[in-house]
PDB file of N, CA and C in Angstrom:
ATOM      1  N   UNK A   1      80.881 109.852 206.277  1.00  0.00           N
ATOM      2  CA  UNK A   1      80.056 110.786 205.661  1.00  0.00           C
ATOM      3  C   UNK A   1      78.832 110.096 204.971  1.00  0.00           C
ATOM      4  N   UNK A   2      79.002 108.920 204.515  1.00  0.00           N
ATOM      5  CA  UNK A   2      77.906 108.198 203.862  1.00  0.00           C
ATOM      6  C   UNK A   2      76.755 107.890 204.711  1.00  0.00           C
ATOM      7  N   UNK A   3      76.962 107.672 206.039  1.00  0.00           N
ATOM      8  CA  UNK A   3      75.911 107.298 206.935  1.00  0.00           C
ATOM      9  C   UNK A   3      75.068 108.617 207.198  1.00  0.00           C
ATOM     10  N   UNK A   4      75.691 109.691 207.330  1.00  0.00           N
ATOM     11  CA  UNK A   4      75.001 110.953 207.530  1.00  0.00           C
ATOM     12  C   UNK A   4      74.262 111.287 206.281  1.00  0.00           C
ATOM     13  N   UNK A   5      74.843 111.156 205.125  1.00  0.00           N
ATOM     14  CA  UNK A   5      74.167 111.346 203.847  1.00  0.00           C
ATOM     15  C   UNK A   5      72.883 110.525 203.723  1.00  0.00           C
ATOM     16  N   UNK A   6      72.995 109.309 204.095  1.00  0.00           N
ATOM     17  CA  UNK A   6      71.827 108.409 203.932  1.00  0.00           C
ATOM     18  C   UNK A   6      70.719 108.820 204.946  1.00  0.00           C
ATOM     19  N   UNK A   7      71.081 109.211 206.157  1.00  0.00           N
ATOM     20  CA  UNK A   7      70.172 109.689 207.166  1.00  0.00           C
ATOM     21  C   UNK A   7      69.480 110.995 206.782  1.00  0.00           C
ATOM     22  N   UNK A   8      70.373 111.869 206.220  1.00  0.00           N
ATOM     23  CA  UNK A   8      69.715 113.178 205.778  1.00  0.00           C
ATOM     24  C   UNK A   8      68.821 112.990 204.691  1.00  0.00           C
ATOM     25  N   UNK A   9      69.201 112.149 203.698  1.00  0.00           N
ATOM     26  CA  UNK A   9      68.289 111.839 202.546  1.00  0.00           C
ATOM     27  C   UNK A   9      67.008 111.243 203.025  1.00  0.00           C
ATOM     28  N   UNK A  10      67.054 110.295 203.929  1.00  0.00           N
ATOM     29  CA  UNK A  10      65.848 109.683 204.500  1.00  0.00           C
ATOM     30  C   UNK A  10      64.958 110.750 205.164  1.00  0.00           C
ATOM     31  N   UNK A  11      65.597 111.615 205.977  1.00  0.00           N
ATOM     32  CA  UNK A  11      64.846 112.722 206.638  1.00  0.00           C
ATOM     33  C   UNK A  11      64.186 113.587 205.589  1.00  0.00           C
ATOM     34  N   UNK A  12      64.834 113.976 204.514  1.00  0.00           N
ATOM     35  CA  UNK A  12      64.283 114.823 203.449  1.00  0.00           C
ATOM     36  C   UNK A  12      63.095 114.100 202.793  1.00  0.00           C
ATOM     37  N   UNK A  13      63.295 112.825 202.528  1.00  0.00           N
ATOM     38  CA  UNK A  13      62.215 111.995 201.919  1.00  0.00           C
ATOM     39  C   UNK A  13      61.000 111.981 202.809  1.00  0.00           C
ATOM     40  N   UNK A  14      61.152 111.828 204.114  1.00  0.00           N
ATOM     41  CA  UNK A  14      59.990 111.803 205.031  1.00  0.00           C
ATOM     42  C   UNK A  14      59.391 113.147 205.261  1.00  0.00           C
ATOM     43  N   UNK A  15      60.200 114.210 205.106  1.00  0.00           N
ATOM     44  CA  UNK A  15      59.704 115.551 205.505  1.00  0.00           C
ATOM     45  C   UNK A  15      59.063 116.284 204.355  1.00  0.00           C
ATOM     46  N   UNK A  16      59.511 116.143 203.123  1.00  0.00           N
ATOM     47  CA  UNK A  16      59.010 116.956 201.967  1.00  0.00           C
ATOM     48  C   UNK A  16      58.106 116.131 201.098  1.00  0.00           C
ATOM     49  N   UNK A  17      57.173 116.760 200.481  1.00  0.00           N
ATOM     50  CA  UNK A  17      56.331 116.079 199.545  1.00  0.00           C
ATOM     51  C   UNK A  17      56.692 116.376 198.094  1.00  0.00           C
ATOM     52  N   UNK A  18      57.216 117.570 197.830  1.00  0.00           N
ATOM     53  CA  UNK A  18      57.595 117.917 196.468  1.00  0.00           C
ATOM     54  C   UNK A  18      58.911 117.246 195.991  1.00  0.00           C
ATOM     55  N   UNK A  19      58.776 116.506 194.891  1.00  0.00           N
ATOM     56  CA  UNK A  19      59.951 115.853 194.388  1.00  0.00           C
ATOM     57  C   UNK A  19      61.017 116.872 193.954  1.00  0.00           C
ATOM     58  N   UNK A  20      60.585 118.034 193.486  1.00  0.00           N
ATOM     59  CA  UNK A  20      61.547 119.088 193.020  1.00  0.00           C
ATOM     60  C   UNK A  20      62.341 119.585 194.212  1.00  0.00           C
ATOM     61  N   UNK A  21      61.752 119.829 195.386  1.00  0.00           N
ATOM     62  CA  UNK A  21      62.434 120.305 196.586  1.00  0.00           C
ATOM     63  C   UNK A  21      63.332 119.161 197.090  1.00  0.00           C
ATOM     64  N   UNK A  22      62.906 117.957 197.070  1.00  0.00           N
ATOM     65  CA  UNK A  22      63.814 116.787 197.513  1.00  0.00           C
ATOM     66  C   UNK A  22      65.045 116.729 196.635  1.00  0.00           C
ATOM     67  N   UNK A  23      64.910 116.840 195.312  1.00  0.00           N
ATOM     68  CA  UNK A  23      66.052 116.780 194.468  1.00  0.00           C
ATOM     69  C   UNK A  23      66.990 117.941 194.644  1.00  0.00           C
ATOM     70  N   UNK A  24      66.396 119.154 194.909  1.00  0.00           N
ATOM     71  CA  UNK A  24      67.209 120.307 195.145  1.00  0.00           C
ATOM     72  C   UNK A  24      68.076 120.128 196.414  1.00  0.00           C
ATOM     73  N   UNK A  25      67.449 119.658 197.496  1.00  0.00           N
ATOM     74  CA  UNK A  25      68.104 119.544 198.732  1.00  0.00           C
ATOM     75  C   UNK A  25      69.123 118.408 198.769  1.00  0.00           C
ATOM     76  N   UNK A  26      68.949 117.385 197.970  1.00  0.00           N
ATOM     77  CA  UNK A  26      69.787 116.149 197.992  1.00  0.00           C
ATOM     78  C   UNK A  26      70.727 116.011 196.791  1.00  0.00           C
ATOM     79  N   UNK A  27      70.892 117.125 196.036  1.00  0.00           N
ATOM     80  CA  UNK A  27      71.785 117.058 194.921  1.00  0.00           C
ATOM     81  C   UNK A  27      73.190 116.668 195.248  1.00  0.00           C
ATOM     82  N   UNK A  28      73.672 115.673 194.457  1.00  0.00           N
ATOM     83  CA  UNK A  28      75.066 115.183 194.721  1.00  0.00           C
ATOM     84  C   UNK A  28      76.136 116.232 194.336  1.00  0.00           C
ATOM     85  N   UNK A  29      77.222 116.193 195.122  1.00  0.00           N
ATOM     86  CA  UNK A  29      78.332 117.051 194.753  1.00  0.00           C
ATOM     87  C   UNK A  29      79.568 116.082 194.324  1.00  0.00           C
ATOM     88  N   UNK A  30      79.944 116.338 193.189  1.00  0.00           N
ATOM     89  CA  UNK A  30      81.048 115.472 192.621  1.00  0.00           C
ATOM     90  C   UNK A  30      82.324 115.651 193.361  1.00  0.00           C
ATOM     91  N   UNK A  31      82.980 114.602 193.725  1.00  0.00           N
ATOM     92  CA  UNK A  31      84.282 114.704 194.458  1.00  0.00           C
ATOM     93  C   UNK A  31      85.344 115.283 193.533  1.00  0.00           C
ATOM     94  N   UNK A  32      86.303 116.119 194.088  1.00  0.00           N
ATOM     95  CA  UNK A  32      87.245 116.757 193.301  1.00  0.00           C
ATOM     96  C   UNK A  32      88.427 115.822 192.930  1.00  0.00           C
ATOM     97  N   UNK A  33      88.984 116.038 191.733  1.00  0.00           N
ATOM     98  CA  UNK A  33      90.146 115.230 191.263  1.00  0.00           C
ATOM     99  C   UNK A  33      91.322 116.175 190.994  1.00  0.00           C
ATOM    100  N   UNK A  34      91.045 117.470 190.849  1.00  0.00           N
ATOM    101  CA  UNK A  34      92.139 118.498 190.531  1.00  0.00           C
ATOM    102  C   UNK A  34      91.965 119.725 191.398  1.00  0.00           C
ATOM    103  N   UNK A  35      92.924 120.625 191.417  1.00  0.00           N
ATOM    104  CA  UNK A  35      92.861 121.779 192.243  1.00  0.00           C
ATOM    105  C   UNK A  35      91.596 122.670 192.015  1.00  0.00           C
ATOM    106  N   UNK A  36      91.348 122.923 190.728  1.00  0.00           N
ATOM    107  CA  UNK A  36      90.176 123.758 190.371  1.00  0.00           C
ATOM    108  C   UNK A  36      88.881 122.987 190.683  1.00  0.00           C
ATOM    109  N   UNK A  37      88.799 121.766 190.549  1.00  0.00           N
ATOM    110  CA  UNK A  37      87.594 121.018 191.008  1.00  0.00           C
ATOM    111  C   UNK A  37      87.356 121.050 192.476  1.00  0.00           C
ATOM    112  N   UNK A  38      88.510 121.171 193.282  1.00  0.00           N
ATOM    113  CA  UNK A  38      88.368 121.285 194.683  1.00  0.00           C
ATOM    114  C   UNK A  38      87.642 122.600 195.028  1.00  0.00           C
ATOM    115  N   UNK A  39      87.996 123.713 194.339  1.00  0.00           N
ATOM    116  CA  UNK A  39      87.297 124.958 194.634  1.00  0.00           C
ATOM    117  C   UNK A  39      85.873 124.900 194.255  1.00  0.00           C
ATOM    118  N   UNK A  40      85.594 124.277 193.173  1.00  0.00           N
ATOM    119  CA  UNK A  40      84.128 124.112 192.757  1.00  0.00           C
ATOM    120  C   UNK A  40      83.380 123.235 193.784  1.00  0.00           C
ATOM    121  N   UNK A  41      84.010 122.223 194.292  1.00  0.00           N
ATOM    122  CA  UNK A  41      83.422 121.326 195.236  1.00  0.00           C
ATOM    123  C   UNK A  41      83.131 122.074 196.529  1.00  0.00           C
ATOM    124  N   UNK A  42      84.171 122.876 197.013  1.00  0.00           N
ATOM    125  CA  UNK A  42      83.913 123.642 198.251  1.00  0.00           C
ATOM    126  C   UNK A  42      82.788 124.677 198.126  1.00  0.00           C
ATOM    127  N   UNK A  43      82.767 125.270 196.952  1.00  0.00           N
ATOM    128  CA  UNK A  43      81.633 126.216 196.679  1.00  0.00           C
ATOM    129  C   UNK A  43      80.277 125.510 196.644  1.00  0.00           C
ATOM    130  N   UNK A  44      80.187 124.346 195.997  1.00  0.00           N
ATOM    131  CA  UNK A  44      78.913 123.556 196.030  1.00  0.00           C
ATOM    132  C   UNK A  44      78.513 123.182 197.346  1.00  0.00           C
ATOM    133  N   UNK A  45      79.466 122.739 198.225  1.00  0.00           N
ATOM    134  CA  UNK A  45      79.161 122.256 199.565  1.00  0.00           C
ATOM    135  C   UNK A  45      78.754 123.466 200.360  1.00  0.00           C
ATOM    136  N   UNK A  46      79.428 124.570 200.314  1.00  0.00           N
ATOM    137  CA  UNK A  46      79.003 125.751 201.058  1.00  0.00           C
ATOM    138  C   UNK A  46      77.628 126.304 200.673  1.00  0.00           C
ATOM    139  N   UNK A  47      77.281 126.145 199.446  1.00  0.00           N
ATOM    140  CA  UNK A  47      75.993 126.641 198.943  1.00  0.00           C
ATOM    141  C   UNK A  47      74.910 125.687 199.605  1.00  0.00           C
ATOM    142  N   UNK A  48      75.207 124.373 199.531  1.00  0.00           N
ATOM    143  CA  UNK A  48      74.245 123.449 200.103  1.00  0.00           C
ATOM    144  C   UNK A  48      74.052 123.594 201.619  1.00  0.00           C
ATOM    145  N   UNK A  49      75.234 123.829 202.355  1.00  0.00           N
ATOM    146  CA  UNK A  49      75.084 124.097 203.767  1.00  0.00           C
ATOM    147  C   UNK A  49      74.232 125.337 204.054  1.00  0.00           C
ATOM    148  N   UNK A  50      74.428 126.334 203.244  1.00  0.00           N
ATOM    149  CA  UNK A  50      73.647 127.537 203.501  1.00  0.00           C
ATOM    150  C   UNK A  50      72.140 127.270 203.195  1.00  0.00           C
ATOM    151  N   UNK A  51      71.888 126.517 202.169  1.00  0.00           N
ATOM    152  CA  UNK A  51      70.544 126.204 201.753  1.00  0.00           C
ATOM    153  C   UNK A  51      69.906 125.363 202.881  1.00  0.00           C
ATOM    154  N   UNK A  52      70.586 124.330 203.356  1.00  0.00           N
ATOM    155  CA  UNK A  52      70.042 123.473 204.471  1.00  0.00           C
ATOM    156  C   UNK A  52      69.813 124.314 205.750  1.00  0.00           C
ATOM    157  N   UNK A  53      70.679 125.132 206.060  1.00  0.00           N
ATOM    158  CA  UNK A  53      70.608 125.856 207.351  1.00  0.00           C
ATOM    159  C   UNK A  53      69.541 126.963 207.284  1.00  0.00           C
ATOM    160  N   UNK A  54      69.094 127.332 206.062  1.00  0.00           N
ATOM    161  CA  UNK A  54      68.101 128.404 205.970  1.00  0.00           C
ATOM    162  C   UNK A  54      66.719 127.741 205.926  1.00  0.00           C
ATOM    163  N   UNK A  55      66.600 126.380 205.814  1.00  0.00           N
ATOM    164  CA  UNK A  55      65.337 125.740 205.710  1.00  0.00           C
ATOM    165  C   UNK A  55      65.125 124.987 207.062  1.00  0.00           C
ATOM    166  N   UNK A  56      64.210 125.486 207.811  1.00  0.00           N
ATOM    167  CA  UNK A  56      63.932 125.025 209.199  1.00  0.00           C
ATOM    168  C   UNK A  56      63.549 123.510 209.213  1.00  0.00           C
ATOM    169  N   UNK A  57      62.752 123.023 208.301  1.00  0.00           N
ATOM    170  CA  UNK A  57      62.351 121.730 208.245  1.00  0.00           C
ATOM    171  C   UNK A  57      63.528 120.670 208.052  1.00  0.00           C
ATOM    172  N   UNK A  58      64.590 121.155 207.396  1.00  0.00           N
ATOM    173  CA  UNK A  58      65.691 120.217 207.185  1.00  0.00           C
ATOM    174  C   UNK A  58      66.569 120.108 208.443  1.00  0.00           C
ATOM    175  N   UNK A  59      66.303 121.051 209.405  1.00  0.00           N
ATOM    176  CA  UNK A  59      67.146 121.097 210.588  1.00  0.00           C
ATOM    177  C   UNK A  59      66.475 120.289 211.776  1.00  0.00           C
ATOM    178  N   UNK A  60      65.220 119.968 211.661  1.00  0.00           N
ATOM    179  CA  UNK A  60      64.513 119.252 212.684  1.00  0.00           C
ATOM    180  C   UNK A  60      64.976 117.833 212.845  1.00  0.00           C
TER     181      UNK A  60
END
């Protein structure tokens, strides 16, 4: 997953000019350590996937 993350981050850096947008699209999700944290992690990842898929430039 780290290789994909690095490639995606590089793509975002090359595609977007706004630092605010870059930070929003590449926000880190903390890995879960407990059951409740796993639910929060899944929600955060689902939210990011939705955000990425609705942004055409991040899919190119």
